[in-house]
Amino acid sequence: MRTLIFDTDIGVDDAFTLAYAARAQRLLGITTMFGNMAVGQVVKNARLFCEKMQIDAPIYHRC
C-alpha cells in the first residue's frame, strides 16, 4: 500500500480521485490550493467532502 499526500483544488475530477485514493491508499494528508475558486472555499469544500465520504486525513492549505 502506498502512502500519499493528495494535492487538490477539489473540483469534480479531484473529488473522484480522492474518494478512490482514500480507499486504495494510505493518505498522509491533503493539501489544498486555489484553482477553480479561492483557497478558503477550497478548504471548506475539502473538509465537507472528507466528512461526507468519511475520509480521515488532515487538510492543509497552501497559498
Protein backbone atom coordinates (compact mmCIF):
# COMPACT_ATOMS: atom_id res chain seq x y z
CA MET A 1 0.00 0.00 0.00
CA ARG A 2 1.39 3.41 -0.96
CA THR A 3 1.39 6.47 1.25
CA LEU A 4 0.13 9.65 -0.43
CA ILE A 5 -0.12 13.36 0.13
CA PHE A 6 -3.01 14.45 -2.06
CA ASP A 7 -2.78 17.98 -3.53
CA THR A 8 -6.10 19.29 -4.81
CA ASP A 9 -8.38 22.17 -5.70
CA ILE A 10 -11.24 19.66 -5.03
CA GLY A 11 -13.06 20.02 -8.32
CA VAL A 12 -15.22 17.15 -9.54
CA ASP A 13 -12.29 15.27 -11.10
CA ASP A 14 -10.21 15.60 -7.93
CA ALA A 15 -13.14 14.53 -5.75
CA PHE A 16 -13.50 11.23 -7.62
CA THR A 17 -9.74 10.65 -7.43
CA LEU A 18 -9.62 11.50 -3.73
CA ALA A 19 -12.51 9.13 -2.97
CA TYR A 20 -10.70 6.32 -4.78
CA ALA A 21 -7.29 7.14 -3.28
CA ALA A 22 -8.69 7.19 0.25
CA ARG A 23 -9.95 3.63 -0.19
CA ALA A 24 -6.96 2.22 -2.06
CA GLN A 25 -4.00 4.06 -0.48
CA ARG A 26 -2.87 5.41 2.88
CA LEU A 27 -3.45 9.18 2.96
CA LEU A 28 -0.85 11.05 4.96
CA GLY A 29 -2.66 14.34 4.34
CA ILE A 30 -4.49 16.54 1.87
CA THR A 31 -3.14 19.88 0.70
CA THR A 32 -5.38 22.42 -0.98
CA MET A 33 -4.61 25.22 -3.41
CA PHE A 34 -6.61 27.74 -5.37
CA GLY A 35 -7.81 26.66 -8.77
CA ASN A 36 -11.47 26.91 -9.62
CA MET A 37 -12.10 29.13 -6.59
CA ALA A 38 -10.35 30.92 -3.71
CA VAL A 39 -8.28 28.78 -1.37
CA GLY A 40 -10.59 29.47 1.61
CA GLN A 41 -13.54 27.97 -0.26
CA VAL A 42 -11.42 25.06 -1.45
CA VAL A 43 -10.50 24.22 2.16
CA LYS A 44 -14.18 24.33 3.20
CA ASN A 45 -15.14 22.10 0.27
CA ALA A 46 -12.36 19.62 1.05
CA ARG A 47 -13.43 19.39 4.69
CA LEU A 48 -17.07 18.89 3.73
CA PHE A 49 -16.20 16.27 1.13
CA CYS A 50 -13.98 14.36 3.56
CA GLU A 51 -16.68 14.46 6.21
CA LYS A 52 -19.34 13.14 3.82
CA MET A 53 -17.04 10.44 2.41
CA GLN A 54 -15.67 9.51 5.86
CA ILE A 55 -12.08 10.26 4.85
CA ASP A 56 -9.88 10.69 7.90
CA ALA A 57 -6.87 12.73 6.81
CA PRO A 58 -5.59 16.13 7.91
CA ILE A 59 -6.23 19.00 5.49
CA TYR A 60 -3.67 21.76 4.97
CA HIS A 61 -3.92 24.81 2.75
CA ARG A 62 -1.11 26.37 0.83
CA CYS A 63 -1.08 29.70 -0.92
